[in-house]
Amino acid sequence: MKINNDLVFEINGKVVSHDKVNEWEFKRMVAVHKMLKKMEGAKFSPNFDKWIKDKKIDAIRSDILRVKMQLGIDRMRSELKSRTNLADAISKFSNILTNKRKFSMTEIVIPNTNLTPSELLDRIVEIMMVNNDKHLEINLNTNPDHYVLQEVADNIQEVLETTGGSPLPTHFYAHYNDEENLKSSFDTKFEVQAPGTARLEDGTIIGGVRHQVGRDKNGLRFRALVEFPAVLPNYMIKAHQLHLACEFGHWISSALDERNFNS
């Protein structure tokens, strides 16, 4: 699954090239490969090291997905538990220190599409929240740092991922349409939104999201916005902007592909 070449990435008001997003994804693939290969049952292609050397990003992406699907989300969740427990404890402590937030935000322009803002957001939410094998493959493949992405109750998504520049993966639950303690607000230049809180398993709020879609000339503009505790260093907030570009570049590309919605 490649990112649609027509998409335009903007971070801090400046256009970011596809090459920069791909380079970030490649670096994270290398890091994720090192983590996954330690897991029992993980068997990468004998060509993987050569693909890394030659930066064959499509082949690397496909093989990482194959290994993740082979391992299964239950195995990956179990294997990463000690790391996520530590990360979750840090998140809880950060939440105690302050209730202020920093925003990590990336915008993506989708030119020349016939989809409305509501239709695009509905398609993204369907891929993210409706559990089936096709959607699981897409969700794990949108970002090398994704390990678990599945709906566990109405409007609640289990997420196990490594965010931005974090050294540890985090395990949390995205509660969509829940705006408790969100610090961001809906920007009226957009038409639709998907807000939500990020909670640990015990219900502790550690952040949130407010994704928005509106019209932009002959196309659409998507804003991905994530709220983090303000105590996190700025480099992590900035690194997550490329995380967002990567994952939503892939999610939007999948949402534009009619084959994913034809029965």
C-alpha atoms as a PDB file:
ATOM      1  CA  MET A   1       0.000   0.000   0.000  1.00  0.00           C
ATOM      2  CA  LYS A   2       1.568   3.232  -1.198  1.00  0.00           C
ATOM      3  CA  ILE A   3       0.642   6.792  -0.322  1.00  0.00           C
ATOM      4  CA  ASN A   4      -1.313   8.487  -3.118  1.00  0.00           C
ATOM      5  CA  ASN A   5       1.134  10.711  -5.016  1.00  0.00           C
ATOM      6  CA  ASP A   6      -1.412  13.539  -5.279  1.00  0.00           C
ATOM      7  CA  LEU A   7      -1.593  14.135  -1.528  1.00  0.00           C
ATOM      8  CA  VAL A   8       0.123  17.276  -0.221  1.00  0.00           C
ATOM      9  CA  PHE A   9       1.561  17.233   3.316  1.00  0.00           C
ATOM     10  CA  GLU A  10       1.788  20.427   5.359  1.00  0.00           C
ATOM     11  CA  ILE A  11       3.512  20.771   8.734  1.00  0.00           C
ATOM     12  CA  ASN A  12       3.678  24.134  10.518  1.00  0.00           C
ATOM     13  CA  GLY A  13       2.325  25.814   7.388  1.00  0.00           C
ATOM     14  CA  LYS A  14       5.049  24.450   5.111  1.00  0.00           C
ATOM     15  CA  VAL A  15       4.795  21.755   2.447  1.00  0.00           C
ATOM     16  CA  VAL A  16       6.653  18.577   3.364  1.00  0.00           C
ATOM     17  CA  SER A  17       7.825  16.310   0.551  1.00  0.00           C
ATOM     18  CA  HIS A  18       6.776  12.692   0.138  1.00  0.00           C
ATOM     19  CA  ASP A  19      10.476  11.840   0.260  1.00  0.00           C
ATOM     20  CA  LYS A  20      10.723  13.213   3.802  1.00  0.00           C
ATOM     21  CA  VAL A  21       7.682  11.203   4.925  1.00  0.00           C
ATOM     22  CA  ASN A  22       9.085   8.083   3.252  1.00  0.00           C
ATOM     23  CA  GLU A  23      12.474   8.613   4.899  1.00  0.00           C
ATOM     24  CA  TRP A  24      10.815   8.848   8.317  1.00  0.00           C
ATOM     25  CA  GLU A  25       8.844   5.663   7.575  1.00  0.00           C
ATOM     26  CA  PHE A  26      12.021   3.861   6.481  1.00  0.00           C
ATOM     27  CA  LYS A  27      13.837   4.761   9.705  1.00  0.00           C
ATOM     28  CA  ARG A  28      10.911   3.521  11.769  1.00  0.00           C
ATOM     29  CA  MET A  29      10.775   0.304   9.726  1.00  0.00           C
ATOM     30  CA  VAL A  30      14.392  -0.402  10.646  1.00  0.00           C
ATOM     31  CA  ALA A  31      13.627   0.166  14.342  1.00  0.00           C
ATOM     32  CA  VAL A  32      10.444  -1.940  14.258  1.00  0.00           C
ATOM     33  CA  HIS A  33      12.242  -4.783  12.482  1.00  0.00           C
ATOM     34  CA  LYS A  34      14.779  -4.904  15.326  1.00  0.00           C
ATOM     35  CA  MET A  35      11.936  -5.176  17.847  1.00  0.00           C
ATOM     36  CA  LEU A  36       9.804  -7.687  15.960  1.00  0.00           C
ATOM     37  CA  LYS A  37      12.628 -10.085  15.090  1.00  0.00           C
ATOM     38  CA  LYS A  38      13.155 -10.732  18.824  1.00  0.00           C
ATOM     39  CA  MET A  39       9.627 -12.122  19.120  1.00  0.00           C
ATOM     40  CA  GLU A  40       9.160 -15.882  19.034  1.00  0.00           C
ATOM     41  CA  GLY A  41       7.789 -16.963  15.678  1.00  0.00           C
ATOM     42  CA  ALA A  42       8.834 -13.850  13.756  1.00  0.00           C
ATOM     43  CA  LYS A  43      10.352 -14.973  10.456  1.00  0.00           C
ATOM     44  CA  PHE A  44      11.410 -12.270   8.056  1.00  0.00           C
ATOM     45  CA  SER A  45      12.330 -12.810   4.419  1.00  0.00           C
ATOM     46  CA  PRO A  46      15.954 -13.840   3.823  1.00  0.00           C
ATOM     47  CA  ASN A  47      16.090 -10.816   1.509  1.00  0.00           C
ATOM     48  CA  PHE A  48      15.141  -8.355   4.268  1.00  0.00           C
ATOM     49  CA  ASP A  49      18.664  -7.130   5.065  1.00  0.00           C
ATOM     50  CA  LYS A  50      19.315  -6.511   1.370  1.00  0.00           C
ATOM     51  CA  TRP A  51      16.049  -4.567   1.124  1.00  0.00           C
ATOM     52  CA  ILE A  52      17.180  -2.421   4.058  1.00  0.00           C
ATOM     53  CA  LYS A  53      20.541  -1.791   2.389  1.00  0.00           C
ATOM     54  CA  ASP A  54      18.856  -0.867  -0.904  1.00  0.00           C
ATOM     55  CA  LYS A  55      15.991   1.037   0.809  1.00  0.00           C
ATOM     56  CA  LYS A  56      13.312  -1.050  -0.904  1.00  0.00           C
ATOM     57  CA  ILE A  57      10.586   0.548   1.161  1.00  0.00           C
ATOM     58  CA  ASP A  58       7.621  -1.208  -0.484  1.00  0.00           C
ATOM     59  CA  ALA A  59       9.135  -4.664  -0.033  1.00  0.00           C
ATOM     60  CA  ILE A  60      10.094  -3.856   3.581  1.00  0.00           C
ATOM     61  CA  ARG A  61       6.582  -2.565   4.344  1.00  0.00           C
ATOM     62  CA  SER A  62       4.977  -5.702   2.913  1.00  0.00           C
ATOM     63  CA  ASP A  63       7.233  -8.063   4.844  1.00  0.00           C
ATOM     64  CA  ILE A  64       6.745  -6.246   8.150  1.00  0.00           C
ATOM     65  CA  LEU A  65       2.975  -6.506   7.610  1.00  0.00           C
ATOM     66  CA  ARG A  66       3.275 -10.206   6.804  1.00  0.00           C
ATOM     67  CA  VAL A  67       5.211 -10.836  10.024  1.00  0.00           C
ATOM     68  CA  LYS A  68       2.761  -8.791  12.103  1.00  0.00           C
ATOM     69  CA  MET A  69      -0.191 -10.725  10.690  1.00  0.00           C
ATOM     70  CA  GLN A  70       1.692 -13.983  11.259  1.00  0.00           C
ATOM     71  CA  LEU A  71       2.398 -13.084  14.892  1.00  0.00           C
ATOM     72  CA  GLY A  72      -1.096 -11.740  15.505  1.00  0.00           C
ATOM     73  CA  ILE A  73      -2.102  -8.815  17.694  1.00  0.00           C
ATOM     74  CA  ASP A  74      -2.455 -10.960  20.838  1.00  0.00           C
ATOM     75  CA  ARG A  75       1.142 -12.153  20.592  1.00  0.00           C
ATOM     76  CA  MET A  76       2.479  -8.659  19.899  1.00  0.00           C
ATOM     77  CA  ARG A  77       0.476  -7.200  22.793  1.00  0.00           C
ATOM     78  CA  SER A  78       1.864  -9.877  25.112  1.00  0.00           C
ATOM     79  CA  GLU A  79       5.458  -9.519  23.894  1.00  0.00           C
ATOM     80  CA  LEU A  80       5.381  -5.727  24.347  1.00  0.00           C
ATOM     81  CA  LYS A  81       3.621  -5.720  27.721  1.00  0.00           C
ATOM     82  CA  SER A  82       6.662  -4.871  29.865  1.00  0.00           C
ATOM     83  CA  ARG A  83       7.466  -1.921  27.599  1.00  0.00           C
ATOM     84  CA  THR A  84       3.875  -0.641  27.463  1.00  0.00           C
ATOM     85  CA  ASN A  85       3.497  -0.974  31.243  1.00  0.00           C
ATOM     86  CA  LEU A  86       6.492   1.326  31.701  1.00  0.00           C
ATOM     87  CA  ALA A  87       5.257   3.772  29.061  1.00  0.00           C
ATOM     88  CA  ASP A  88       1.782   3.838  30.588  1.00  0.00           C
ATOM     89  CA  ALA A  89       3.232   4.569  34.043  1.00  0.00           C
ATOM     90  CA  ILE A  90       5.192   7.475  32.559  1.00  0.00           C
ATOM     91  CA  SER A  91       2.042   8.730  30.810  1.00  0.00           C
ATOM     92  CA  LYS A  92       0.090   8.604  34.067  1.00  0.00           C
ATOM     93  CA  PHE A  93       2.839  10.497  35.908  1.00  0.00           C
ATOM     94  CA  SER A  94       2.972  13.118  33.139  1.00  0.00           C
ATOM     95  CA  ASN A  95      -0.767  13.568  33.502  1.00  0.00           C
ATOM     96  CA  ILE A  96      -0.349  14.157  37.244  1.00  0.00           C
ATOM     97  CA  LEU A  97       2.323  16.809  36.686  1.00  0.00           C
ATOM     98  CA  THR A  98       0.156  19.021  34.493  1.00  0.00           C
ATOM     99  CA  ASN A  99      -3.214  19.238  32.793  1.00  0.00           C
ATOM    100  CA  LYS A 100      -1.791  21.411  30.032  1.00  0.00           C
ATOM    101  CA  ARG A 101      -1.320  20.019  26.537  1.00  0.00           C
ATOM    102  CA  LYS A 102       0.907  20.358  23.503  1.00  0.00           C
ATOM    103  CA  PHE A 103      -0.609  19.795  20.071  1.00  0.00           C
ATOM    104  CA  SER A 104       1.005  17.715  17.339  1.00  0.00           C
ATOM    105  CA  MET A 105      -0.664  18.628  14.075  1.00  0.00           C
ATOM    106  CA  THR A 106      -0.293  17.730  10.406  1.00  0.00           C
ATOM    107  CA  GLU A 107      -2.523  18.766   7.504  1.00  0.00           C
ATOM    108  CA  ILE A 108      -3.022  16.838   4.278  1.00  0.00           C
ATOM    109  CA  VAL A 109      -4.543  18.307   1.125  1.00  0.00           C
ATOM    110  CA  ILE A 110      -6.481  15.894  -1.087  1.00  0.00           C
ATOM    111  CA  PRO A 111      -6.856  17.568  -4.507  1.00  0.00           C
ATOM    112  CA  ASN A 112      -9.477  16.765  -7.125  1.00  0.00           C
ATOM    113  CA  THR A 113     -11.636  14.329  -5.188  1.00  0.00           C
ATOM    114  CA  ASN A 114     -15.391  13.933  -5.518  1.00  0.00           C
ATOM    115  CA  LEU A 115     -15.724  12.833  -1.900  1.00  0.00           C
ATOM    116  CA  THR A 116     -17.330  15.224   0.570  1.00  0.00           C
ATOM    117  CA  PRO A 117     -15.656  15.914   3.937  1.00  0.00           C
ATOM    118  CA  SER A 118     -18.202  13.658   5.645  1.00  0.00           C
ATOM    119  CA  GLU A 119     -17.649  10.850   3.158  1.00  0.00           C
ATOM    120  CA  LEU A 120     -13.874  10.930   3.561  1.00  0.00           C
ATOM    121  CA  LEU A 121     -14.031  10.958   7.359  1.00  0.00           C
ATOM    122  CA  ASP A 122     -16.646   8.192   7.380  1.00  0.00           C
ATOM    123  CA  ARG A 123     -14.410   6.027   5.209  1.00  0.00           C
ATOM    124  CA  ILE A 124     -11.376   6.581   7.431  1.00  0.00           C
ATOM    125  CA  VAL A 125     -13.418   5.794  10.552  1.00  0.00           C
ATOM    126  CA  GLU A 126     -14.825   2.659   8.907  1.00  0.00           C
ATOM    127  CA  ILE A 127     -11.322   1.363   8.163  1.00  0.00           C
ATOM    128  CA  MET A 128     -10.107   2.219  11.656  1.00  0.00           C
ATOM    129  CA  MET A 129     -13.106   0.961  13.619  1.00  0.00           C
ATOM    130  CA  VAL A 130     -14.822  -1.884  11.742  1.00  0.00           C
ATOM    131  CA  ASN A 131     -13.004  -5.098  12.597  1.00  0.00           C
ATOM    132  CA  ASN A 132     -12.217  -7.430   9.712  1.00  0.00           C
ATOM    133  CA  ASP A 133      -9.064  -8.901   8.186  1.00  0.00           C
ATOM    134  CA  LYS A 134      -8.832  -6.321   5.396  1.00  0.00           C
ATOM    135  CA  HIS A 135      -9.066  -3.397   7.807  1.00  0.00           C
ATOM    136  CA  LEU A 136      -6.585  -4.974  10.222  1.00  0.00           C
ATOM    137  CA  GLU A 137      -4.057  -5.289   7.404  1.00  0.00           C
ATOM    138  CA  ILE A 138      -4.608  -1.660   6.392  1.00  0.00           C
ATOM    139  CA  ASN A 139      -4.384  -0.406   9.991  1.00  0.00           C
ATOM    140  CA  LEU A 140      -1.171  -2.284  10.762  1.00  0.00           C
ATOM    141  CA  ASN A 141       0.295  -1.196   7.438  1.00  0.00           C
ATOM    142  CA  THR A 142      -0.421   2.531   7.701  1.00  0.00           C
ATOM    143  CA  ASN A 143       2.520   2.985  10.056  1.00  0.00           C
ATOM    144  CA  PRO A 144       5.372   0.628  11.029  1.00  0.00           C
ATOM    145  CA  ASP A 145       4.800   1.664  14.671  1.00  0.00           C
ATOM    146  CA  HIS A 146       1.289   0.143  14.769  1.00  0.00           C
ATOM    147  CA  TYR A 147       0.898  -3.159  16.642  1.00  0.00           C
ATOM    148  CA  VAL A 148      -2.747  -3.220  17.725  1.00  0.00           C
ATOM    149  CA  LEU A 149      -5.590  -1.186  16.223  1.00  0.00           C
ATOM    150  CA  GLN A 150      -9.070  -2.588  16.726  1.00  0.00           C
ATOM    151  CA  GLU A 151     -12.498  -1.564  17.968  1.00  0.00           C
ATOM    152  CA  VAL A 152     -13.281  -3.115  21.372  1.00  0.00           C
ATOM    153  CA  ALA A 153     -16.629  -1.379  22.042  1.00  0.00           C
ATOM    154  CA  ASP A 154     -18.805   1.224  20.352  1.00  0.00           C
ATOM    155  CA  ASN A 155     -16.563   4.202  19.474  1.00  0.00           C
ATOM    156  CA  ILE A 156     -13.650   2.769  21.490  1.00  0.00           C
ATOM    157  CA  GLN A 157     -10.457   1.722  19.720  1.00  0.00           C
ATOM    158  CA  GLU A 158      -7.647  -0.221  21.334  1.00  0.00           C
ATOM    159  CA  VAL A 159      -4.301   1.209  20.240  1.00  0.00           C
ATOM    160  CA  LEU A 160      -0.807  -0.137  20.801  1.00  0.00           C
ATOM    161  CA  GLU A 161       1.723   1.988  18.983  1.00  0.00           C
ATOM    162  CA  THR A 162       4.930   3.921  19.385  1.00  0.00           C
ATOM    163  CA  THR A 163       4.096   7.606  19.148  1.00  0.00           C
ATOM    164  CA  GLY A 164       6.412  10.107  17.486  1.00  0.00           C
ATOM    165  CA  GLY A 165       9.860  10.120  19.024  1.00  0.00           C
ATOM    166  CA  SER A 166       9.003   7.959  22.030  1.00  0.00           C
ATOM    167  CA  PRO A 167      11.470   5.172  22.894  1.00  0.00           C
ATOM    168  CA  LEU A 168       8.583   3.018  24.176  1.00  0.00           C
ATOM    169  CA  PRO A 169       5.285   1.772  22.744  1.00  0.00           C
ATOM    170  CA  THR A 170       2.105   2.923  24.499  1.00  0.00           C
ATOM    171  CA  HIS A 171      -1.083   0.916  25.065  1.00  0.00           C
ATOM    172  CA  PHE A 172      -4.225   3.037  25.341  1.00  0.00           C
ATOM    173  CA  TYR A 173      -7.846   3.304  24.276  1.00  0.00           C
ATOM    174  CA  ALA A 174      -9.175   6.035  21.980  1.00  0.00           C
ATOM    175  CA  HIS A 175     -12.704   6.992  23.068  1.00  0.00           C
ATOM    176  CA  TYR A 176     -14.193   8.784  20.074  1.00  0.00           C
ATOM    177  CA  ASN A 177     -16.935  11.404  20.543  1.00  0.00           C
ATOM    178  CA  ASP A 178     -15.711  11.860  24.121  1.00  0.00           C
ATOM    179  CA  GLU A 179     -14.315  15.402  24.555  1.00  0.00           C
ATOM    180  CA  GLU A 180     -13.617  15.330  28.298  1.00  0.00           C
ATOM    181  CA  ASN A 181     -10.588  17.504  29.121  1.00  0.00           C
ATOM    182  CA  LEU A 182      -9.740  18.169  25.469  1.00  0.00           C
ATOM    183  CA  LYS A 183      -7.890  21.467  25.116  1.00  0.00           C
ATOM    184  CA  SER A 184      -8.265  21.848  21.341  1.00  0.00           C
ATOM    185  CA  SER A 185     -11.406  23.263  19.754  1.00  0.00           C
ATOM    186  CA  PHE A 186     -13.201  22.686  16.472  1.00  0.00           C
ATOM    187  CA  ASP A 187     -11.917  25.000  13.726  1.00  0.00           C
ATOM    188  CA  THR A 188     -14.932  26.342  11.821  1.00  0.00           C
ATOM    189  CA  LYS A 189     -13.047  26.355   8.522  1.00  0.00           C
ATOM    190  CA  PHE A 190     -13.566  22.580   8.625  1.00  0.00           C
ATOM    191  CA  GLU A 191     -16.930  20.837   8.294  1.00  0.00           C
ATOM    192  CA  VAL A 192     -16.675  17.586  10.240  1.00  0.00           C
ATOM    193  CA  GLN A 193     -14.552  16.222  13.055  1.00  0.00           C
ATOM    194  CA  ALA A 194     -13.645  13.076  14.990  1.00  0.00           C
ATOM    195  CA  PRO A 195     -12.671  14.132  18.516  1.00  0.00           C
ATOM    196  CA  GLY A 196     -11.804  11.730  21.299  1.00  0.00           C
ATOM    197  CA  THR A 197      -9.923  11.110  24.517  1.00  0.00           C
ATOM    198  CA  ALA A 198      -6.939   8.791  24.886  1.00  0.00           C
ATOM    199  CA  ARG A 199      -7.336   6.746  28.065  1.00  0.00           C
ATOM    200  CA  LEU A 200      -5.333   4.064  29.798  1.00  0.00           C
ATOM    201  CA  GLU A 201      -7.101   0.811  30.639  1.00  0.00           C
ATOM    202  CA  ASP A 202      -8.020   2.184  34.097  1.00  0.00           C
ATOM    203  CA  GLY A 203      -9.695   5.204  32.494  1.00  0.00           C
ATOM    204  CA  THR A 204      -6.924   7.740  33.143  1.00  0.00           C
ATOM    205  CA  ILE A 205      -6.978  10.380  30.411  1.00  0.00           C
ATOM    206  CA  ILE A 206      -3.497  10.842  28.944  1.00  0.00           C
ATOM    207  CA  GLY A 207      -4.327  12.931  25.870  1.00  0.00           C
ATOM    208  CA  GLY A 208      -6.730  13.143  22.995  1.00  0.00           C
ATOM    209  CA  VAL A 209      -7.364  13.750  19.311  1.00  0.00           C
ATOM    210  CA  ARG A 210      -9.403  16.110  17.189  1.00  0.00           C
ATOM    211  CA  HIS A 211      -9.216  15.141  13.532  1.00  0.00           C
ATOM    212  CA  GLN A 212     -11.070  17.452  11.117  1.00  0.00           C
ATOM    213  CA  VAL A 213     -11.968  17.552   7.427  1.00  0.00           C
ATOM    214  CA  GLY A 214     -13.042  20.486   5.291  1.00  0.00           C
ATOM    215  CA  ARG A 215     -13.025  21.709   1.712  1.00  0.00           C
ATOM    216  CA  ASP A 216      -9.940  23.107   0.001  1.00  0.00           C
ATOM    217  CA  LYS A 217     -10.320  24.599  -3.492  1.00  0.00           C
ATOM    218  CA  ASN A 218     -11.124  21.608  -5.728  1.00  0.00           C
ATOM    219  CA  GLY A 219     -10.491  19.060  -3.050  1.00  0.00           C
ATOM    220  CA  LEU A 220     -10.374  18.476   0.698  1.00  0.00           C
ATOM    221  CA  ARG A 221      -8.139  19.342   3.623  1.00  0.00           C
ATOM    222  CA  PHE A 222      -7.598  16.900   6.486  1.00  0.00           C
ATOM    223  CA  ARG A 223      -6.169  18.031   9.822  1.00  0.00           C
ATOM    224  CA  ALA A 224      -4.780  15.376  12.139  1.00  0.00           C
ATOM    225  CA  LEU A 225      -4.406  16.751  15.660  1.00  0.00           C
ATOM    226  CA  VAL A 226      -3.157  14.888  18.726  1.00  0.00           C
ATOM    227  CA  GLU A 227      -2.977  16.300  22.246  1.00  0.00           C
ATOM    228  CA  PHE A 228      -0.033  15.273  24.446  1.00  0.00           C
ATOM    229  CA  PRO A 229       0.849  16.180  28.058  1.00  0.00           C
ATOM    230  CA  ALA A 230       2.725  19.491  27.988  1.00  0.00           C
ATOM    231  CA  VAL A 231       5.691  18.029  29.893  1.00  0.00           C
ATOM    232  CA  LEU A 232       6.765  15.993  26.858  1.00  0.00           C
ATOM    233  CA  PRO A 233       9.815  17.408  25.053  1.00  0.00           C
ATOM    234  CA  ASN A 234       9.198  19.324  21.840  1.00  0.00           C
ATOM    235  CA  TYR A 235      11.221  16.878  19.724  1.00  0.00           C
ATOM    236  CA  MET A 236       8.626  14.170  20.473  1.00  0.00           C
ATOM    237  CA  ILE A 237       5.785  16.470  19.436  1.00  0.00           C
ATOM    238  CA  LYS A 238       7.601  17.314  16.185  1.00  0.00           C
ATOM    239  CA  ALA A 239       8.458  13.673  15.461  1.00  0.00           C
ATOM    240  CA  HIS A 240       4.792  12.773  15.859  1.00  0.00           C
ATOM    241  CA  GLN A 241       3.904  15.187  13.068  1.00  0.00           C
ATOM    242  CA  LEU A 242       5.710  12.857  10.651  1.00  0.00           C
ATOM    243  CA  HIS A 243       4.067   9.863  12.346  1.00  0.00           C
ATOM    244  CA  LEU A 244       0.715  11.497  11.526  1.00  0.00           C
ATOM    245  CA  ALA A 245       1.762  12.279   7.953  1.00  0.00           C
ATOM    246  CA  CYS A 246       2.729   8.652   7.418  1.00  0.00           C
ATOM    247  CA  GLU A 247      -0.323   6.984   8.931  1.00  0.00           C
ATOM    248  CA  PHE A 248      -2.962   9.385   7.632  1.00  0.00           C
ATOM    249  CA  GLY A 249      -1.262   9.531   4.245  1.00  0.00           C
ATOM    250  CA  HIS A 250      -1.856   5.785   4.061  1.00  0.00           C
ATOM    251  CA  TRP A 251      -5.341   5.903   5.615  1.00  0.00           C
ATOM    252  CA  ILE A 252      -6.493   8.635   3.234  1.00  0.00           C
ATOM    253  CA  SER A 253      -5.000   6.748   0.281  1.00  0.00           C
ATOM    254  CA  SER A 254      -6.965   3.667   1.342  1.00  0.00           C
ATOM    255  CA  ALA A 255     -10.106   5.772   1.761  1.00  0.00           C
ATOM    256  CA  LEU A 256      -9.706   7.074  -1.809  1.00  0.00           C
ATOM    257  CA  ASP A 257      -9.359   3.548  -3.203  1.00  0.00           C
ATOM    258  CA  GLU A 258     -12.828   2.416  -4.253  1.00  0.00           C
ATOM    259  CA  ARG A 259     -11.713  -1.226  -4.151  1.00  0.00           C
ATOM    260  CA  ASN A 260     -11.737  -1.039  -0.361  1.00  0.00           C
ATOM    261  CA  PHE A 261     -15.451  -0.222  -0.361  1.00  0.00           C
ATOM    262  CA  ASN A 262     -16.844  -2.418  -3.115  1.00  0.00           C
ATOM    263  CA  SER A 263     -18.402  -5.606  -1.779  1.00  0.00           C
END
